[in-house]
């Protein structure tokens, strides 16, 4: 079973990501629209994979990921963003896909990082 935390402040995009990842094998999801919600969601149900936008309504995806990984250890991350250059300094490095995301590329990236 693979649980994915989707950090995305655009609801329709988050639901689209859920549909794509379900077809790729993800089983359960948590959603967050802000950095704070992302931290709360991860603490409530530890994700196997984090899917995150960079710019959020409140806070940033990279900072949320940094805090989550600081608490839980390394987790696979895929950033989906209109500002891929904002992920160049992300530590640890993550897969970065530009928006609009191509379904096949997202499924391929997810299959690379998801636990088997």
PDB file of N, CA and C in Angstrom:
ATOM      1  N   UNK A   1       0.847  -1.178   0.000  1.00  0.00           N
ATOM      2  CA  UNK A   1       0.000   0.000   0.000  1.00  0.00           C
ATOM      3  C   UNK A   1       0.890   1.237   0.000  1.00  0.00           C
ATOM      4  N   UNK A   2       0.603   2.192  -0.863  1.00  0.00           N
ATOM      5  CA  UNK A   2       1.390   3.413  -0.970  1.00  0.00           C
ATOM      6  C   UNK A   2       0.509   4.614  -0.638  1.00  0.00           C
ATOM      7  N   UNK A   3       0.927   5.337   0.402  1.00  0.00           N
ATOM      8  CA  UNK A   3       0.194   6.533   0.815  1.00  0.00           C
ATOM      9  C   UNK A   3       0.941   7.763   0.309  1.00  0.00           C
ATOM     10  N   UNK A   4       0.217   8.656  -0.386  1.00  0.00           N
ATOM     11  CA  UNK A   4       0.816   9.850  -0.975  1.00  0.00           C
ATOM     12  C   UNK A   4       0.260  11.100  -0.313  1.00  0.00           C
ATOM     13  N   UNK A   5       1.159  11.995   0.071  1.00  0.00           N
ATOM     14  CA  UNK A   5       0.771  13.322   0.546  1.00  0.00           C
ATOM     15  C   UNK A   5       0.886  14.271  -0.643  1.00  0.00           C
ATOM     16  N   UNK A   6      -0.238  14.864  -1.033  1.00  0.00           N
ATOM     17  CA  UNK A   6      -0.258  15.837  -2.126  1.00  0.00           C
ATOM     18  C   UNK A   6      -0.354  17.225  -1.506  1.00  0.00           C
ATOM     19  N   UNK A   7       0.692  18.022  -1.717  1.00  0.00           N
ATOM     20  CA  UNK A   7       0.738  19.397  -1.213  1.00  0.00           C
ATOM     21  C   UNK A   7       0.520  20.312  -2.415  1.00  0.00           C
ATOM     22  N   UNK A   8      -0.689  20.816  -2.541  1.00  0.00           N
ATOM     23  CA  UNK A   8      -1.070  21.613  -3.714  1.00  0.00           C
ATOM     24  C   UNK A   8      -2.229  22.516  -3.323  1.00  0.00           C
ATOM     25  N   UNK A   9      -2.104  23.825  -3.582  1.00  0.00           N
ATOM     26  CA  UNK A   9      -3.154  24.755  -3.169  1.00  0.00           C
ATOM     27  C   UNK A   9      -4.241  24.966  -4.219  1.00  0.00           C
ATOM     28  N   UNK A  10      -4.136  24.301  -5.354  1.00  0.00           N
ATOM     29  CA  UNK A  10      -5.188  24.349  -6.375  1.00  0.00           C
ATOM     30  C   UNK A  10      -5.928  23.011  -6.324  1.00  0.00           C
ATOM     31  N   UNK A  11      -7.162  23.038  -5.841  1.00  0.00           N
ATOM     32  CA  UNK A  11      -7.920  21.815  -5.594  1.00  0.00           C
ATOM     33  C   UNK A  11      -8.065  20.950  -6.844  1.00  0.00           C
ATOM     34  N   UNK A  12      -8.369  21.551  -7.973  1.00  0.00           N
ATOM     35  CA  UNK A  12      -8.554  20.760  -9.194  1.00  0.00           C
ATOM     36  C   UNK A  12      -7.267  20.068  -9.622  1.00  0.00           C
ATOM     37  N   UNK A  13      -6.146  20.739  -9.445  1.00  0.00           N
ATOM     38  CA  UNK A  13      -4.859  20.113  -9.770  1.00  0.00           C
ATOM     39  C   UNK A  13      -4.597  18.952  -8.820  1.00  0.00           C
ATOM     40  N   UNK A  14      -4.867  19.149  -7.528  1.00  0.00           N
ATOM     41  CA  UNK A  14      -4.665  18.082  -6.543  1.00  0.00           C
ATOM     42  C   UNK A  14      -5.509  16.853  -6.884  1.00  0.00           C
ATOM     43  N   UNK A  15      -6.749  17.074  -7.278  1.00  0.00           N
ATOM     44  CA  UNK A  15      -7.627  15.950  -7.628  1.00  0.00           C
ATOM     45  C   UNK A  15      -7.167  15.262  -8.913  1.00  0.00           C
ATOM     46  N   UNK A  16      -6.655  16.034  -9.856  1.00  0.00           N
ATOM     47  CA  UNK A  16      -6.110  15.464 -11.080  1.00  0.00           C
ATOM     48  C   UNK A  16      -4.885  14.603 -10.762  1.00  0.00           C
ATOM     49  N   UNK A  17      -4.013  15.099  -9.885  1.00  0.00           N
ATOM     50  CA  UNK A  17      -2.845  14.326  -9.470  1.00  0.00           C
ATOM     51  C   UNK A  17      -3.274  13.021  -8.807  1.00  0.00           C
ATOM     52  N   UNK A  18      -4.299  13.089  -7.972  1.00  0.00           N
ATOM     53  CA  UNK A  18      -4.805  11.889  -7.322  1.00  0.00           C
ATOM     54  C   UNK A  18      -5.255  10.858  -8.358  1.00  0.00           C
ATOM     55  N   UNK A  19      -5.987  11.292  -9.370  1.00  0.00           N
ATOM     56  CA  UNK A  19      -6.451  10.376 -10.411  1.00  0.00           C
ATOM     57  C   UNK A  19      -5.282   9.716 -11.138  1.00  0.00           C
ATOM     58  N   UNK A  20      -4.289  10.512 -11.500  1.00  0.00           N
ATOM     59  CA  UNK A  20      -3.123   9.988 -12.218  1.00  0.00           C
ATOM     60  C   UNK A  20      -2.361   8.994 -11.346  1.00  0.00           C
ATOM     61  N   UNK A  21      -2.149   9.356 -10.077  1.00  0.00           N
ATOM     62  CA  UNK A  21      -1.373   8.489  -9.180  1.00  0.00           C
ATOM     63  C   UNK A  21      -2.123   7.224  -8.801  1.00  0.00           C
ATOM     64  N   UNK A  22      -3.445   7.300  -8.760  1.00  0.00           N
ATOM     65  CA  UNK A  22      -4.235   6.092  -8.503  1.00  0.00           C
ATOM     66  C   UNK A  22      -4.003   5.083  -9.625  1.00  0.00           C
ATOM     67  N   UNK A  23      -3.999   5.568 -10.866  1.00  0.00           N
ATOM     68  CA  UNK A  23      -3.733   4.685 -12.005  1.00  0.00           C
ATOM     69  C   UNK A  23      -2.304   4.129 -11.972  1.00  0.00           C
ATOM     70  N   UNK A  24      -1.394   4.856 -11.315  1.00  0.00           N
ATOM     71  CA  UNK A  24       0.000   4.414 -11.218  1.00  0.00           C
ATOM     72  C   UNK A  24       0.233   3.495 -10.022  1.00  0.00           C
ATOM     73  N   UNK A  25      -0.791   3.300  -9.186  1.00  0.00           N
ATOM     74  CA  UNK A  25      -0.644   2.351  -8.088  1.00  0.00           C
ATOM     75  C   UNK A  25      -0.772   2.898  -6.685  1.00  0.00           C
ATOM     76  N   UNK A  26      -0.914   4.210  -6.525  1.00  0.00           N
ATOM     77  CA  UNK A  26      -1.091   4.761  -5.178  1.00  0.00           C
ATOM     78  C   UNK A  26      -2.437   4.309  -4.629  1.00  0.00           C
ATOM     79  N   UNK A  27      -2.486   4.061  -3.325  1.00  0.00           N
ATOM     80  CA  UNK A  27      -3.712   3.523  -2.719  1.00  0.00           C
ATOM     81  C   UNK A  27      -4.462   4.536  -1.865  1.00  0.00           C
ATOM     82  N   UNK A  28      -3.747   5.346  -1.087  1.00  0.00           N
ATOM     83  CA  UNK A  28      -4.403   6.320  -0.212  1.00  0.00           C
ATOM     84  C   UNK A  28      -3.711   7.666  -0.335  1.00  0.00           C
ATOM     85  N   UNK A  29      -4.455   8.723   0.052  1.00  0.00           N
ATOM     86  CA  UNK A  29      -3.955  10.087  -0.130  1.00  0.00           C
ATOM     87  C   UNK A  29      -4.301  10.955   1.064  1.00  0.00           C
ATOM     88  N   UNK A  30      -3.418  11.921   1.325  1.00  0.00           N
ATOM     89  CA  UNK A  30      -3.704  13.046   2.202  1.00  0.00           C
ATOM     90  C   UNK A  30      -3.475  14.291   1.360  1.00  0.00           C
ATOM     91  N   UNK A  31      -4.203  15.351   1.683  1.00  0.00           N
ATOM     92  CA  UNK A  31      -4.094  16.593   0.916  1.00  0.00           C
ATOM     93  C   UNK A  31      -3.779  17.758   1.834  1.00  0.00           C
ATOM     94  N   UNK A  32      -2.994  18.696   1.328  1.00  0.00           N
ATOM     95  CA  UNK A  32      -2.672  19.900   2.078  1.00  0.00           C
ATOM     96  C   UNK A  32      -2.575  21.064   1.105  1.00  0.00           C
ATOM     97  N   UNK A  33      -3.098  22.215   1.523  1.00  0.00           N
ATOM     98  CA  UNK A  33      -3.034  23.412   0.684  1.00  0.00           C
ATOM     99  C   UNK A  33      -2.019  24.425   1.197  1.00  0.00           C
ATOM    100  N   UNK A  34      -1.560  24.256   2.444  1.00  0.00           N
ATOM    101  CA  UNK A  34      -0.584  25.164   3.037  1.00  0.00           C
ATOM    102  C   UNK A  34       0.545  24.355   3.664  1.00  0.00           C
ATOM    103  N   UNK A  35       1.614  25.039   3.981  1.00  0.00           N
ATOM    104  CA  UNK A  35       2.746  24.390   4.636  1.00  0.00           C
ATOM    105  C   UNK A  35       2.314  23.754   5.959  1.00  0.00           C
ATOM    106  N   UNK A  36       1.547  24.476   6.750  1.00  0.00           N
ATOM    107  CA  UNK A  36       1.086  23.980   8.051  1.00  0.00           C
ATOM    108  C   UNK A  36       0.225  22.728   7.890  1.00  0.00           C
ATOM    109  N   UNK A  37      -0.715  22.759   6.926  1.00  0.00           N
ATOM    110  CA  UNK A  37      -1.557  21.586   6.683  1.00  0.00           C
ATOM    111  C   UNK A  37      -0.716  20.386   6.246  1.00  0.00           C
ATOM    112  N   UNK A  38       0.344  20.631   5.481  1.00  0.00           N
ATOM    113  CA  UNK A  38       1.217  19.544   5.041  1.00  0.00           C
ATOM    114  C   UNK A  38       1.887  18.866   6.234  1.00  0.00           C
ATOM    115  N   UNK A  39       2.379  19.671   7.159  1.00  0.00           N
ATOM    116  CA  UNK A  39       3.019  19.112   8.354  1.00  0.00           C
ATOM    117  C   UNK A  39       2.020  18.311   9.176  1.00  0.00           C
ATOM    118  N   UNK A  40       0.834  18.864   9.369  1.00  0.00           N
ATOM    119  CA  UNK A  40      -0.198  18.163  10.136  1.00  0.00           C
ATOM    120  C   UNK A  40      -0.595  16.852   9.461  1.00  0.00           C
ATOM    121  N   UNK A  41      -0.777  16.883   8.140  1.00  0.00           N
ATOM    122  CA  UNK A  41      -1.186  15.682   7.403  1.00  0.00           C
ATOM    123  C   UNK A  41      -0.114  14.595   7.480  1.00  0.00           C
ATOM    124  N   UNK A  42       1.158  14.987   7.360  1.00  0.00           N
ATOM    125  CA  UNK A  42       2.250  14.008   7.428  1.00  0.00           C
ATOM    126  C   UNK A  42       2.346  13.393   8.817  1.00  0.00           C
ATOM    127  N   UNK A  43       2.121  14.204   9.829  1.00  0.00           N
ATOM    128  CA  UNK A  43       2.174  13.687  11.206  1.00  0.00           C
ATOM    129  C   UNK A  43       1.003  12.751  11.497  1.00  0.00           C
ATOM    130  N   UNK A  44      -0.125  13.023  10.857  1.00  0.00           N
ATOM    131  CA  UNK A  44      -1.310  12.187  11.065  1.00  0.00           C
ATOM    132  C   UNK A  44      -1.178  10.838  10.357  1.00  0.00           C
ATOM    133  N   UNK A  45      -0.631  10.847   9.144  1.00  0.00           N
ATOM    134  CA  UNK A  45      -0.456   9.610   8.372  1.00  0.00           C
ATOM    135  C   UNK A  45       0.848   9.735   7.588  1.00  0.00           C
ATOM    136  N   UNK A  46       1.863   9.022   8.020  1.00  0.00           N
ATOM    137  CA  UNK A  46       3.188   9.122   7.402  1.00  0.00           C
ATOM    138  C   UNK A  46       3.096   8.764   5.913  1.00  0.00           C
ATOM    139  N   UNK A  47       3.534   9.682   5.049  1.00  0.00           N
ATOM    140  CA  UNK A  47       3.465   9.396   3.610  1.00  0.00           C
ATOM    141  C   UNK A  47       4.611   8.483   3.163  1.00  0.00           C
ATOM    142  N   UNK A  48       4.338   7.707   2.123  1.00  0.00           N
ATOM    143  CA  UNK A  48       5.389   6.929   1.464  1.00  0.00           C
ATOM    144  C   UNK A  48       6.044   7.765   0.377  1.00  0.00           C
ATOM    145  N   UNK A  49       5.264   8.691  -0.198  1.00  0.00           N
ATOM    146  CA  UNK A  49       5.733   9.590  -1.255  1.00  0.00           C
ATOM    147  C   UNK A  49       5.090  10.952  -1.018  1.00  0.00           C
ATOM    148  N   UNK A  50       5.860  12.011  -1.259  1.00  0.00           N
ATOM    149  CA  UNK A  50       5.324  13.370  -1.183  1.00  0.00           C
ATOM    150  C   UNK A  50       5.322  13.953  -2.586  1.00  0.00           C
ATOM    151  N   UNK A  51       4.176  14.501  -2.965  1.00  0.00           N
ATOM    152  CA  UNK A  51       3.999  15.195  -4.240  1.00  0.00           C
ATOM    153  C   UNK A  51       3.708  16.646  -3.874  1.00  0.00           C
ATOM    154  N   UNK A  52       4.530  17.594  -4.314  1.00  0.00           N
ATOM    155  CA  UNK A  52       4.357  18.955  -3.822  1.00  0.00           C
ATOM    156  C   UNK A  52       4.559  20.016  -4.888  1.00  0.00           C
ATOM    157  N   UNK A  53       3.736  21.049  -4.799  1.00  0.00           N
ATOM    158  CA  UNK A  53       3.964  22.287  -5.526  1.00  0.00           C
ATOM    159  C   UNK A  53       5.033  23.060  -4.757  1.00  0.00           C
ATOM    160  N   UNK A  54       5.584  24.086  -5.346  1.00  0.00           N
ATOM    161  CA  UNK A  54       6.599  24.894  -4.663  1.00  0.00           C
ATOM    162  C   UNK A  54       5.950  26.075  -3.948  1.00  0.00           C
ATOM    163  N   UNK A  55       5.220  26.882  -4.685  1.00  0.00           N
ATOM    164  CA  UNK A  55       4.601  28.064  -4.098  1.00  0.00           C
ATOM    165  C   UNK A  55       3.197  27.711  -3.609  1.00  0.00           C
ATOM    166  N   UNK A  56       2.965  27.906  -2.323  1.00  0.00           N
ATOM    167  CA  UNK A  56       1.662  27.617  -1.722  1.00  0.00           C
ATOM    168  C   UNK A  56       1.015  28.911  -1.267  1.00  0.00           C
ATOM    169  N   UNK A  57      -0.241  28.841  -0.952  1.00  0.00           N
ATOM    170  CA  UNK A  57      -0.955  30.015  -0.451  1.00  0.00           C
ATOM    171  C   UNK A  57      -0.267  30.557   0.802  1.00  0.00           C
ATOM    172  N   UNK A  58       0.148  29.637   1.673  1.00  0.00           N
ATOM    173  CA  UNK A  58       0.898  30.004   2.885  1.00  0.00           C
ATOM    174  C   UNK A  58       2.086  29.072   2.994  1.00  0.00           C
ATOM    175  N   UNK A  59       3.288  29.633   2.905  1.00  0.00           N
ATOM    176  CA  UNK A  59       4.501  28.835   3.000  1.00  0.00           C
ATOM    177  C   UNK A  59       4.916  28.280   1.648  1.00  0.00           C
ATOM    178  N   UNK A  60       5.875  27.351   1.695  1.00  0.00           N
ATOM    179  CA  UNK A  60       6.360  26.731   0.460  1.00  0.00           C
ATOM    180  C   UNK A  60       6.422  25.217   0.620  1.00  0.00           C
ATOM    181  N   UNK A  61       6.295  24.544  -0.514  1.00  0.00           N
ATOM    182  CA  UNK A  61       6.417  23.100  -0.518  1.00  0.00           C
ATOM    183  C   UNK A  61       7.796  22.626  -0.088  1.00  0.00           C
ATOM    184  N   UNK A  62       8.885  23.214  -0.629  1.00  0.00           N
ATOM    185  CA  UNK A  62      10.215  22.758  -0.216  1.00  0.00           C
ATOM    186  C   UNK A  62      10.454  22.886   1.291  1.00  0.00           C
ATOM    187  N   UNK A  63       9.951  23.947   1.904  1.00  0.00           N
ATOM    188  CA  UNK A  63      10.150  24.079   3.346  1.00  0.00           C
ATOM    189  C   UNK A  63       9.335  23.029   4.097  1.00  0.00           C
ATOM    190  N   UNK A  64       8.108  22.787   3.660  1.00  0.00           N
ATOM    191  CA  UNK A  64       7.287  21.746   4.293  1.00  0.00           C
ATOM    192  C   UNK A  64       7.984  20.391   4.180  1.00  0.00           C
ATOM    193  N   UNK A  65       8.508  20.075   3.008  1.00  0.00           N
ATOM    194  CA  UNK A  65       9.203  18.807   2.793  1.00  0.00           C
ATOM    195  C   UNK A  65      10.428  18.711   3.699  1.00  0.00           C
ATOM    196  N   UNK A  66      11.174  19.796   3.807  1.00  0.00           N
ATOM    197  CA  UNK A  66      12.368  19.818   4.657  1.00  0.00           C
ATOM    198  C   UNK A  66      12.010  19.493   6.110  1.00  0.00           C
ATOM    199  N   UNK A  67      10.949  20.105   6.622  1.00  0.00           N
ATOM    200  CA  UNK A  67      10.536  19.861   8.009  1.00  0.00           C
ATOM    201  C   UNK A  67      10.039  18.424   8.173  1.00  0.00           C
ATOM    202  N   UNK A  68       9.225  17.962   7.226  1.00  0.00           N
ATOM    203  CA  UNK A  68       8.704  16.589   7.298  1.00  0.00           C
ATOM    204  C   UNK A  68       9.851  15.584   7.289  1.00  0.00           C
ATOM    205  N   UNK A  69      10.806  15.762   6.400  1.00  0.00           N
ATOM    206  CA  UNK A  69      11.936  14.839   6.339  1.00  0.00           C
ATOM    207  C   UNK A  69      12.833  14.959   7.565  1.00  0.00           C
ATOM    208  N   UNK A  70      12.901  16.149   8.148  1.00  0.00           N
ATOM    209  CA  UNK A  70      13.660  16.321   9.385  1.00  0.00           C
ATOM    210  C   UNK A  70      13.059  15.506  10.521  1.00  0.00           C
ATOM    211  N   UNK A  71      11.741  15.379  10.521  1.00  0.00           N
ATOM    212  CA  UNK A  71      11.053  14.610  11.558  1.00  0.00           C
ATOM    213  C   UNK A  71      10.982  13.123  11.240  1.00  0.00           C
ATOM    214  N   UNK A  72      10.825  12.776   9.965  1.00  0.00           N
ATOM    215  CA  UNK A  72      10.515  11.393   9.591  1.00  0.00           C
ATOM    216  C   UNK A  72      11.622  10.678   8.833  1.00  0.00           C
ATOM    217  N   UNK A  73      12.660  11.401   8.476  1.00  0.00           N
ATOM    218  CA  UNK A  73      13.722  10.795   7.678  1.00  0.00           C
ATOM    219  C   UNK A  73      13.438  10.960   6.200  1.00  0.00           C
ATOM    220  N   UNK A  74      14.333  10.445   5.375  1.00  0.00           N
ATOM    221  CA  UNK A  74      14.195  10.607   3.928  1.00  0.00           C
ATOM    222  C   UNK A  74      12.913   9.974   3.394  1.00  0.00           C
ATOM    223  N   UNK A  75      12.236  10.713   2.551  1.00  0.00           N
ATOM    224  CA  UNK A  75      11.042  10.242   1.847  1.00  0.00           C
ATOM    225  C   UNK A  75      11.161  10.668   0.396  1.00  0.00           C
ATOM    226  N   UNK A  76      10.680   9.857  -0.538  1.00  0.00           N
ATOM    227  CA  UNK A  76      10.721  10.265  -1.935  1.00  0.00           C
ATOM    228  C   UNK A  76       9.813  11.471  -2.177  1.00  0.00           C
ATOM    229  N   UNK A  77      10.316  12.403  -2.997  1.00  0.00           N
ATOM    230  CA  UNK A  77       9.585  13.641  -3.268  1.00  0.00           C
ATOM    231  C   UNK A  77       9.567  13.902  -4.767  1.00  0.00           C
ATOM    232  N   UNK A  78       8.401  14.317  -5.239  1.00  0.00           N
ATOM    233  CA  UNK A  78       8.259  14.805  -6.614  1.00  0.00           C
ATOM    234  C   UNK A  78       7.652  16.193  -6.522  1.00  0.00           C
ATOM    235  N   UNK A  79       8.372  17.189  -7.023  1.00  0.00           N
ATOM    236  CA  UNK A  79       7.838  18.539  -7.093  1.00  0.00           C
ATOM    237  C   UNK A  79       7.207  18.741  -8.466  1.00  0.00           C
ATOM    238  N   UNK A  80       6.009  19.299  -8.470  1.00  0.00           N
ATOM    239  CA  UNK A  80       5.328  19.669  -9.712  1.00  0.00           C
ATOM    240  C   UNK A  80       5.077  21.168  -9.606  1.00  0.00           C
ATOM    241  N   UNK A  81       5.721  21.931 -10.467  1.00  0.00           N
ATOM    242  CA  UNK A  81       5.717  23.370 -10.264  1.00  0.00           C
ATOM    243  C   UNK A  81       5.872  24.149 -11.564  1.00  0.00           C
ATOM    244  N   UNK A  82       5.361  25.353 -11.537  1.00  0.00           N
ATOM    245  CA  UNK A  82       5.571  26.277 -12.644  1.00  0.00           C
ATOM    246  C   UNK A  82       6.914  26.986 -12.498  1.00  0.00           C
ATOM    247  N   UNK A  83       7.582  26.797 -11.353  1.00  0.00           N
ATOM    248  CA  UNK A  83       8.877  27.439 -11.091  1.00  0.00           C
ATOM    249  C   UNK A  83       9.932  26.376 -10.743  1.00  0.00           C
ATOM    250  N   UNK A  84      10.309  25.534 -11.713  1.00  0.00           N
ATOM    251  CA  UNK A  84      11.255  24.454 -11.422  1.00  0.00           C
ATOM    252  C   UNK A  84      12.607  24.943 -10.907  1.00  0.00           C
ATOM    253  N   UNK A  85      12.997  26.153 -11.278  1.00  0.00           N
ATOM    254  CA  UNK A  85      14.276  26.687 -10.797  1.00  0.00           C
ATOM    255  C   UNK A  85      14.288  26.853  -9.273  1.00  0.00           C
ATOM    256  N   UNK A  86      13.123  26.944  -8.652  1.00  0.00           N
ATOM    257  CA  UNK A  86      13.042  27.069  -7.196  1.00  0.00           C
ATOM    258  C   UNK A  86      13.445  25.774  -6.496  1.00  0.00           C
ATOM    259  N   UNK A  87      13.556  24.687  -7.231  1.00  0.00           N
ATOM    260  CA  UNK A  87      13.908  23.387  -6.643  1.00  0.00           C
ATOM    261  C   UNK A  87      15.381  23.036  -6.845  1.00  0.00           C
ATOM    262  N   UNK A  88      16.136  23.897  -7.490  1.00  0.00           N
ATOM    263  CA  UNK A  88      17.529  23.578  -7.763  1.00  0.00           C
ATOM    264  C   UNK A  88      18.343  23.370  -6.497  1.00  0.00           C
ATOM    265  N   UNK A  89      18.004  24.068  -5.434  1.00  0.00           N
ATOM    266  CA  UNK A  89      18.772  23.950  -4.196  1.00  0.00           C
ATOM    267  C   UNK A  89      18.104  23.043  -3.170  1.00  0.00           C
ATOM    268  N   UNK A  90      17.060  22.336  -3.570  1.00  0.00           N
ATOM    269  CA  UNK A  90      16.373  21.453  -2.635  1.00  0.00           C
ATOM    270  C   UNK A  90      17.311  20.343  -2.183  1.00  0.00           C
ATOM    271  N   UNK A  91      17.288  20.081  -0.878  1.00  0.00           N
ATOM    272  CA  UNK A  91      18.150  19.057  -0.309  1.00  0.00           C
ATOM    273  C   UNK A  91      17.319  18.152   0.572  1.00  0.00           C
ATOM    274  N   UNK A  92      17.245  16.866   0.320  1.00  0.00           N
ATOM    275  CA  UNK A  92      17.928  16.192  -0.774  1.00  0.00           C
ATOM    276  C   UNK A  92      17.253  16.496  -2.106  1.00  0.00           C
ATOM    277  N   UNK A  93      17.967  16.276  -3.196  1.00  0.00           N
ATOM    278  CA  UNK A  93      17.390  16.526  -4.505  1.00  0.00           C
ATOM    279  C   UNK A  93      16.128  15.696  -4.720  1.00  0.00           C
ATOM    280  N   UNK A  94      15.239  16.214  -5.529  1.00  0.00           N
ATOM    281  CA  UNK A  94      13.980  15.537  -5.800  1.00  0.00           C
ATOM    282  C   UNK A  94      13.738  15.534  -7.304  1.00  0.00           C
ATOM    283  N   UNK A  95      12.790  14.727  -7.722  1.00  0.00           N
ATOM    284  CA  UNK A  95      12.353  14.788  -9.112  1.00  0.00           C
ATOM    285  C   UNK A  95      11.521  16.059  -9.256  1.00  0.00           C
ATOM    286  N   UNK A  96      11.760  16.810 -10.321  1.00  0.00           N
ATOM    287  CA  UNK A  96      11.034  18.051 -10.554  1.00  0.00           C
ATOM    288  C   UNK A  96      10.380  17.983 -11.931  1.00  0.00           C
ATOM    289  N   UNK A  97       9.063  18.152 -11.946  1.00  0.00           N
ATOM    290  CA  UNK A  97       8.302  18.183 -13.188  1.00  0.00           C
ATOM    291  C   UNK A  97       7.643  19.543 -13.326  1.00  0.00           C
ATOM    292  N   UNK A  98       7.656  20.088 -14.533  1.00  0.00           N
ATOM    293  CA  UNK A  98       7.039  21.388 -14.773  1.00  0.00           C
ATOM    294  C   UNK A  98       5.544  21.274 -14.997  1.00  0.00           C
ATOM    295  N   UNK A  99       4.858  22.366 -14.681  1.00  0.00           N
ATOM    296  CA  UNK A  99       3.424  22.462 -14.979  1.00  0.00           C
ATOM    297  C   UNK A  99       3.269  23.087 -16.348  1.00  0.00           C
ATOM    298  N   UNK A 100       2.311  22.681 -17.124  1.00  0.00           N
ATOM    299  CA  UNK A 100       1.366  21.609 -16.833  1.00  0.00           C
ATOM    300  C   UNK A 100       2.064  20.254 -16.938  1.00  0.00           C
ATOM    301  N   UNK A 101       1.707  19.371 -16.039  1.00  0.00           N
ATOM    302  CA  UNK A 101       2.361  18.070 -15.966  1.00  0.00           C
ATOM    303  C   UNK A 101       1.793  17.134 -17.038  1.00  0.00           C
ATOM    304  N   UNK A 102       2.669  16.348 -17.599  1.00  0.00           N
ATOM    305  CA  UNK A 102       2.271  15.336 -18.581  1.00  0.00           C
ATOM    306  C   UNK A 102       2.016  14.042 -17.816  1.00  0.00           C
ATOM    307  N   UNK A 103       0.811  13.497 -17.975  1.00  0.00           N
ATOM    308  CA  UNK A 103       0.403  12.315 -17.208  1.00  0.00           C
ATOM    309  C   UNK A 103       1.434  11.199 -17.244  1.00  0.00           C
ATOM    310  N   UNK A 104       1.917  10.857 -18.407  1.00  0.00           N
ATOM    311  CA  UNK A 104       2.853   9.739 -18.555  1.00  0.00           C
ATOM    312  C   UNK A 104       4.150  10.006 -17.796  1.00  0.00           C
ATOM    313  N   UNK A 105       4.633  11.235 -17.816  1.00  0.00           N
ATOM    314  CA  UNK A 105       5.872  11.570 -17.094  1.00  0.00           C
ATOM    315  C   UNK A 105       5.663  11.474 -15.592  1.00  0.00           C
ATOM    316  N   UNK A 106       4.493  11.891 -15.117  1.00  0.00           N
ATOM    317  CA  UNK A 106       4.195  11.799 -13.693  1.00  0.00           C
ATOM    318  C   UNK A 106       4.108  10.333 -13.265  1.00  0.00           C
ATOM    319  N   UNK A 107       3.406   9.513 -14.028  1.00  0.00           N
ATOM    320  CA  UNK A 107       3.302   8.090 -13.684  1.00  0.00           C
ATOM    321  C   UNK A 107       4.684   7.441 -13.664  1.00  0.00           C
ATOM    322  N   UNK A 108       5.522   7.772 -14.646  1.00  0.00           N
ATOM    323  CA  UNK A 108       6.874   7.217 -14.698  1.00  0.00           C
ATOM    324  C   UNK A 108       7.694   7.647 -13.484  1.00  0.00           C
ATOM    325  N   UNK A 109       7.636   8.928 -13.137  1.00  0.00           N
ATOM    326  CA  UNK A 109       8.375   9.427 -11.971  1.00  0.00           C
ATOM    327  C   UNK A 109       7.884   8.761 -10.688  1.00  0.00           C
ATOM    328  N   UNK A 110       6.578   8.623 -10.569  1.00  0.00           N
ATOM    329  CA  UNK A 110       6.011   8.001  -9.380  1.00  0.00           C
ATOM    330  C   UNK A 110       6.469   6.550  -9.259  1.00  0.00           C
ATOM    331  N   UNK A 111       6.447   5.824 -10.353  1.00  0.00           N
ATOM    332  CA  UNK A 111       6.871   4.415 -10.315  1.00  0.00           C
ATOM    333  C   UNK A 111       8.337   4.281  -9.960  1.00  0.00           C
ATOM    334  N   UNK A 112       9.150   5.278 -10.297  1.00  0.00           N
ATOM    335  CA  UNK A 112      10.566   5.253  -9.946  1.00  0.00           C
ATOM    336  C   UNK A 112      10.792   5.382  -8.431  1.00  0.00           C
ATOM    337  N   UNK A 113       9.953   6.181  -7.778  1.00  0.00           N
ATOM    338  CA  UNK A 113      10.203   6.472  -6.354  1.00  0.00           C
ATOM    339  C   UNK A 113       9.298   5.734  -5.382  1.00  0.00           C
ATOM    340  N   UNK A 114       8.154   5.239  -5.845  1.00  0.00           N
ATOM    341  CA  UNK A 114       7.189   4.601  -4.938  1.00  0.00           C
ATOM    342  C   UNK A 114       7.746   3.281  -4.420  1.00  0.00           C
ATOM    343  N   UNK A 115       7.461   2.981  -3.159  1.00  0.00           N
ATOM    344  CA  UNK A 115       7.876   1.667  -2.628  1.00  0.00           C
ATOM    345  C   UNK A 115       7.136   0.547  -3.358  1.00  0.00           C
ATOM    346  N   UNK A 116       7.840  -0.535  -3.588  1.00  0.00           N
ATOM    347  CA  UNK A 116       7.244  -1.650  -4.341  1.00  0.00           C
ATOM    348  C   UNK A 116       6.675  -2.692  -3.420  1.00  0.00           C
TER     349      UNK A 116
END
